[in-house]
PDB file of N, CA and C in Angstrom:
ATOM      1  N   MET A   1      31.065  37.725   1.624  1.00  0.00           N
ATOM      2  CA  MET A   1      29.788  38.093   1.768  1.00  0.00           C
ATOM      3  C   MET A   1      28.823  37.600   0.631  1.00  0.00           C
ATOM      4  N   ALA A   2      29.424  36.839  -0.016  1.00  0.00           N
ATOM      5  CA  ALA A   2      28.925  36.398  -1.208  1.00  0.00           C
ATOM      6  C   ALA A   2      28.737  35.072  -0.930  1.00  0.00           C
ATOM      7  N   ASN A   3      29.343  34.027   0.092  1.00  0.00           N
ATOM      8  CA  ASN A   3      29.121  32.737   0.438  1.00  0.00           C
ATOM      9  C   ASN A   3      28.266  33.014   1.882  1.00  0.00           C
ATOM     10  N   GLU A   4      27.865  33.692   1.996  1.00  0.00           N
ATOM     11  CA  GLU A   4      26.837  33.862   3.072  1.00  0.00           C
ATOM     12  C   GLU A   4      25.266  32.963   2.807  1.00  0.00           C
ATOM     13  N   LYS A   5      24.943  32.023   3.658  1.00  0.00           N
ATOM     14  CA  LYS A   5      23.720  31.581   3.407  1.00  0.00           C
ATOM     15  C   LYS A   5      22.573  32.853   3.519  1.00  0.00           C
ATOM     16  N   PRO A   6      21.491  33.066   3.256  1.00  0.00           N
ATOM     17  CA  PRO A   6      20.150  33.801   3.607  1.00  0.00           C
ATOM     18  C   PRO A   6      19.807  33.289   4.905  1.00  0.00           C
ATOM     19  N   LYS A   7      19.479  34.334   5.606  1.00  0.00           N
ATOM     20  CA  LYS A   7      19.074  33.739   6.992  1.00  0.00           C
ATOM     21  C   LYS A   7      17.725  33.218   6.647  1.00  0.00           C
ATOM     22  N   GLN A   8      17.080  32.161   7.770  1.00  0.00           N
ATOM     23  CA  GLN A   8      16.191  31.604   7.465  1.00  0.00           C
ATOM     24  C   GLN A   8      15.306  32.305   8.811  1.00  0.00           C
ATOM     25  N   GLU A   9      13.869  32.144   8.501  1.00  0.00           N
ATOM     26  CA  GLU A   9      13.096  32.974   9.423  1.00  0.00           C
ATOM     27  C   GLU A   9      12.661  31.568  10.308  1.00  0.00           C
ATOM     28  N   VAL A  10      12.442  32.324  11.380  1.00  0.00           N
ATOM     29  CA  VAL A  10      11.945  30.939  12.714  1.00  0.00           C
ATOM     30  C   VAL A  10      10.397  31.214  12.241  1.00  0.00           C
ATOM     31  N   THR A  11       9.449  30.337  12.334  1.00  0.00           N
ATOM     32  CA  THR A  11       7.984  30.505  12.425  1.00  0.00           C
ATOM     33  C   THR A  11       7.615  29.226  13.461  1.00  0.00           C
ATOM     34  N   THR A  12       6.017  29.992  13.882  1.00  0.00           N
ATOM     35  CA  THR A  12       5.866  29.355  14.524  1.00  0.00           C
ATOM     36  C   THR A  12       4.397  28.732  14.064  1.00  0.00           C
ATOM     37  N   LYS A  13       4.138  27.894  14.533  1.00  0.00           N
ATOM     38  CA  LYS A  13       2.727  27.212  13.882  1.00  0.00           C
ATOM     39  C   LYS A  13       1.867  27.606  14.572  1.00  0.00           C
ATOM     40  N   ASN A  14       1.772  27.983  16.001  1.00  0.00           N
ATOM     41  CA  ASN A  14       0.976  28.073  16.880  1.00  0.00           C
ATOM     42  C   ASN A  14       1.108  29.638  17.355  1.00  0.00           C
ATOM     43  N   ASN A  15       0.304  30.781  17.403  1.00  0.00           N
ATOM     44  CA  ASN A  15       0.676  32.029  17.415  1.00  0.00           C
ATOM     45  C   ASN A  15      -0.745  32.598  18.367  1.00  0.00           C
ATOM     46  N   ASP A  16      -1.170  31.335  18.780  1.00  0.00           N
ATOM     47  CA  ASP A  16      -2.214  31.908  19.800  1.00  0.00           C
ATOM     48  C   ASP A  16      -2.367  32.053  21.433  1.00  0.00           C
ATOM     49  N   HIS A  17      -0.746  31.746  21.887  1.00  0.00           N
ATOM     50  CA  HIS A  17      -0.538  32.293  23.028  1.00  0.00           C
ATOM     51  C   HIS A  17       0.745  33.397  23.604  1.00  0.00           C
ATOM     52  N   ILE A  18       0.841  34.086  24.362  1.00  0.00           N
ATOM     53  CA  ILE A  18       2.317  35.029  24.439  1.00  0.00           C
ATOM     54  C   ILE A  18       2.536  34.290  25.862  1.00  0.00           C
ATOM     55  N   ASN A  19       4.051  33.807  25.917  1.00  0.00           N
ATOM     56  CA  ASN A  19       4.872  33.499  27.078  1.00  0.00           C
ATOM     57  C   ASN A  19       5.130  35.215  28.019  1.00  0.00           C
ATOM     58  N   LEU A  20       4.436  35.150  29.165  1.00  0.00           N
ATOM     59  CA  LEU A  20       4.936  36.693  29.851  1.00  0.00           C
ATOM     60  C   LEU A  20       5.931  35.902  31.419  1.00  0.00           C
ATOM     61  N   LYS A  21       6.713  36.893  31.233  1.00  0.00           N
ATOM     62  CA  LYS A  21       7.355  36.862  32.660  1.00  0.00           C
ATOM     63  C   LYS A  21       7.599  38.236  33.382  1.00  0.00           C
ATOM     64  N   VAL A  22       6.579  38.437  34.793  1.00  0.00           N
ATOM     65  CA  VAL A  22       6.078  39.063  35.408  1.00  0.00           C
ATOM     66  C   VAL A  22       7.099  38.958  36.655  1.00  0.00           C
ATOM     67  N   ALA A  23       8.142  39.963  36.411  1.00  0.00           N
ATOM     68  CA  ALA A  23       8.908  40.204  37.885  1.00  0.00           C
ATOM     69  C   ALA A  23       8.276  41.593  38.643  1.00  0.00           C
ATOM     70  N   GLY A  24       8.250  41.247  40.249  1.00  0.00           N
ATOM     71  CA  GLY A  24       7.985  41.954  40.918  1.00  0.00           C
ATOM     72  C   GLY A  24       9.008  43.117  41.745  1.00  0.00           C
ATOM     73  N   GLN A  25       8.643  43.810  42.402  1.00  0.00           N
ATOM     74  CA  GLN A  25       9.928  44.707  42.670  1.00  0.00           C
ATOM     75  C   GLN A  25      10.315  44.335  43.942  1.00  0.00           C
ATOM     76  N   ASP A  26      10.046  43.010  44.471  1.00  0.00           N
ATOM     77  CA  ASP A  26      10.792  42.469  45.560  1.00  0.00           C
ATOM     78  C   ASP A  26      11.787  40.980  44.735  1.00  0.00           C
ATOM     79  N   GLY A  27      11.712  40.844  43.645  1.00  0.00           N
ATOM     80  CA  GLY A  27      12.836  40.000  43.044  1.00  0.00           C
ATOM     81  C   GLY A  27      12.086  38.679  42.639  1.00  0.00           C
ATOM     82  N   SER A  28      10.444  38.538  43.142  1.00  0.00           N
ATOM     83  CA  SER A  28       9.900  37.336  42.691  1.00  0.00           C
ATOM     84  C   SER A  28       9.567  37.486  41.395  1.00  0.00           C
ATOM     85  N   VAL A  29      10.101  36.348  40.805  1.00  0.00           N
ATOM     86  CA  VAL A  29       9.171  36.206  39.207  1.00  0.00           C
ATOM     87  C   VAL A  29       7.964  35.027  38.914  1.00  0.00           C
ATOM     88  N   VAL A  30       7.466  35.557  38.313  1.00  0.00           N
ATOM     89  CA  VAL A  30       5.900  34.893  38.263  1.00  0.00           C
ATOM     90  C   VAL A  30       5.851  34.479  36.304  1.00  0.00           C
ATOM     91  N   TYR A  31       5.512  33.450  35.866  1.00  0.00           N
ATOM     92  CA  TYR A  31       5.851  33.085  34.620  1.00  0.00           C
ATOM     93  C   TYR A  31       3.898  32.702  34.173  1.00  0.00           C
ATOM     94  N   PHE A  32       3.632  33.396  32.954  1.00  0.00           N
ATOM     95  CA  PHE A  32       2.416  33.198  32.589  1.00  0.00           C
ATOM     96  C   PHE A  32       2.393  32.526  31.111  1.00  0.00           C
ATOM     97  N   LYS A  33       1.185  32.226  30.584  1.00  0.00           N
ATOM     98  CA  LYS A  33       0.971  31.786  29.205  1.00  0.00           C
ATOM     99  C   LYS A  33      -0.090  31.802  29.016  1.00  0.00           C
ATOM    100  N   ILE A  34      -0.820  33.164  28.059  1.00  0.00           N
ATOM    101  CA  ILE A  34      -1.900  33.108  27.997  1.00  0.00           C
ATOM    102  C   ILE A  34      -2.143  33.837  26.435  1.00  0.00           C
ATOM    103  N   LYS A  35      -3.690  33.923  26.338  1.00  0.00           N
ATOM    104  CA  LYS A  35      -4.129  33.626  24.844  1.00  0.00           C
ATOM    105  C   LYS A  35      -3.410  35.622  24.921  1.00  0.00           C
ATOM    106  N   ARG A  36      -3.573  35.467  23.127  1.00  0.00           N
ATOM    107  CA  ARG A  36      -3.737  37.082  22.597  1.00  0.00           C
ATOM    108  C   ARG A  36      -4.448  37.867  22.912  1.00  0.00           C
ATOM    109  N   HIS A  37      -5.785  37.435  23.670  1.00  0.00           N
ATOM    110  CA  HIS A  37      -6.808  38.145  23.553  1.00  0.00           C
ATOM    111  C   HIS A  37      -7.611  38.494  24.928  1.00  0.00           C
ATOM    112  N   THR A  38      -5.937  37.751  25.592  1.00  0.00           N
ATOM    113  CA  THR A  38      -6.623  37.972  27.497  1.00  0.00           C
ATOM    114  C   THR A  38      -6.536  39.382  27.270  1.00  0.00           C
ATOM    115  N   LEU A  39      -7.396  40.137  28.771  1.00  0.00           N
ATOM    116  CA  LEU A  39      -7.137  41.269  28.790  1.00  0.00           C
ATOM    117  C   LEU A  39      -6.472  41.225  30.037  1.00  0.00           C
ATOM    118  N   LEU A  40      -5.675  42.517  29.951  1.00  0.00           N
ATOM    119  CA  LEU A  40      -4.374  42.779  30.771  1.00  0.00           C
ATOM    120  C   LEU A  40      -5.019  42.832  32.609  1.00  0.00           C
ATOM    121  N   SER A  41      -6.182  43.391  32.832  1.00  0.00           N
ATOM    122  CA  SER A  41      -6.815  43.190  34.053  1.00  0.00           C
ATOM    123  C   SER A  41      -7.489  41.642  34.411  1.00  0.00           C
ATOM    124  N   LYS A  42      -6.880  40.714  33.954  1.00  0.00           N
ATOM    125  CA  LYS A  42      -7.349  39.308  34.033  1.00  0.00           C
ATOM    126  C   LYS A  42      -5.987  38.902  34.345  1.00  0.00           C
ATOM    127  N   LEU A  43      -4.839  39.008  34.174  1.00  0.00           N
ATOM    128  CA  LEU A  43      -3.834  38.852  34.185  1.00  0.00           C
ATOM    129  C   LEU A  43      -3.103  39.579  35.448  1.00  0.00           C
ATOM    130  N   MET A  44      -3.188  40.765  35.459  1.00  0.00           N
ATOM    131  CA  MET A  44      -3.033  41.131  36.916  1.00  0.00           C
ATOM    132  C   MET A  44      -3.768  40.847  37.974  1.00  0.00           C
ATOM    133  N   LYS A  45      -4.815  40.307  38.144  1.00  0.00           N
ATOM    134  CA  LYS A  45      -5.905  39.605  38.997  1.00  0.00           C
ATOM    135  C   LYS A  45      -5.069  38.584  39.174  1.00  0.00           C
ATOM    136  N   ALA A  46      -4.622  37.640  38.056  1.00  0.00           N
ATOM    137  CA  ALA A  46      -4.021  36.705  38.706  1.00  0.00           C
ATOM    138  C   ALA A  46      -2.736  36.630  39.641  1.00  0.00           C
ATOM    139  N   TYR A  47      -1.609  37.649  38.786  1.00  0.00           N
ATOM    140  CA  TYR A  47      -0.728  38.161  39.393  1.00  0.00           C
ATOM    141  C   TYR A  47      -0.830  38.246  40.976  1.00  0.00           C
ATOM    142  N   CYS A  48      -1.755  39.149  41.154  1.00  0.00           N
ATOM    143  CA  CYS A  48      -1.967  39.916  42.379  1.00  0.00           C
ATOM    144  C   CYS A  48      -2.887  38.662  43.341  1.00  0.00           C
ATOM    145  N   GLU A  49      -3.655  37.628  42.990  1.00  0.00           N
ATOM    146  CA  GLU A  49      -4.149  36.288  43.615  1.00  0.00           C
ATOM    147  C   GLU A  49      -2.460  35.169  43.831  1.00  0.00           C
ATOM    148  N   ARG A  50      -2.067  35.337  43.161  1.00  0.00           N
ATOM    149  CA  ARG A  50      -0.816  34.695  43.199  1.00  0.00           C
ATOM    150  C   ARG A  50       0.252  34.626  44.352  1.00  0.00           C
ATOM    151  N   GLN A  51       0.377  36.038  44.147  1.00  0.00           N
ATOM    152  CA  GLN A  51       1.642  36.957  45.465  1.00  0.00           C
ATOM    153  C   GLN A  51       0.834  37.398  46.538  1.00  0.00           C
ATOM    154  N   ASP A  52      -0.586  36.954  46.594  1.00  0.00           N
ATOM    155  CA  ASP A  52      -1.283  37.456  47.713  1.00  0.00           C
ATOM    156  C   ASP A  52      -0.829  38.826  48.103  1.00  0.00           C
ATOM    157  N   LEU A  53      -1.846  39.830  46.771  1.00  0.00           N
ATOM    158  CA  LEU A  53      -1.668  41.353  46.843  1.00  0.00           C
ATOM    159  C   LEU A  53      -3.240  41.898  46.791  1.00  0.00           C
ATOM    160  N   CYS A  54      -2.768  43.130  47.361  1.00  0.00           N
ATOM    161  CA  CYS A  54      -4.506  43.821  46.960  1.00  0.00           C
ATOM    162  C   CYS A  54      -4.454  43.975  45.282  1.00  0.00           C
ATOM    163  N   GLN A  55      -5.231  44.420  44.050  1.00  0.00           N
ATOM    164  CA  GLN A  55      -5.037  44.832  43.053  1.00  0.00           C
ATOM    165  C   GLN A  55      -5.402  46.201  42.971  1.00  0.00           C
ATOM    166  N   LYS A  56      -5.978  46.576  44.140  1.00  0.00           N
ATOM    167  CA  LYS A  56      -6.171  48.407  43.703  1.00  0.00           C
ATOM    168  C   LYS A  56      -5.024  48.933  44.579  1.00  0.00           C
TER     169      LYS A  56
END
C-alpha cells in the first residue's frame, strides 16, 4: 500500500452539458445531450416527438 500512487481525479473542462440515455419500455434507446438548466418537460417533449408518442 505504501507504493500505491494517489488516484487522480478526472475533471472536464465543460460541465455545461449532460449526456442522457433514455430507454423505452419497448427496448428503444434515444440519446440526448442537454444543458444543465434544460427543463425536464422539454426533454420529454423531444422524446415523445422522436418516438411518435403522445406526451399526456
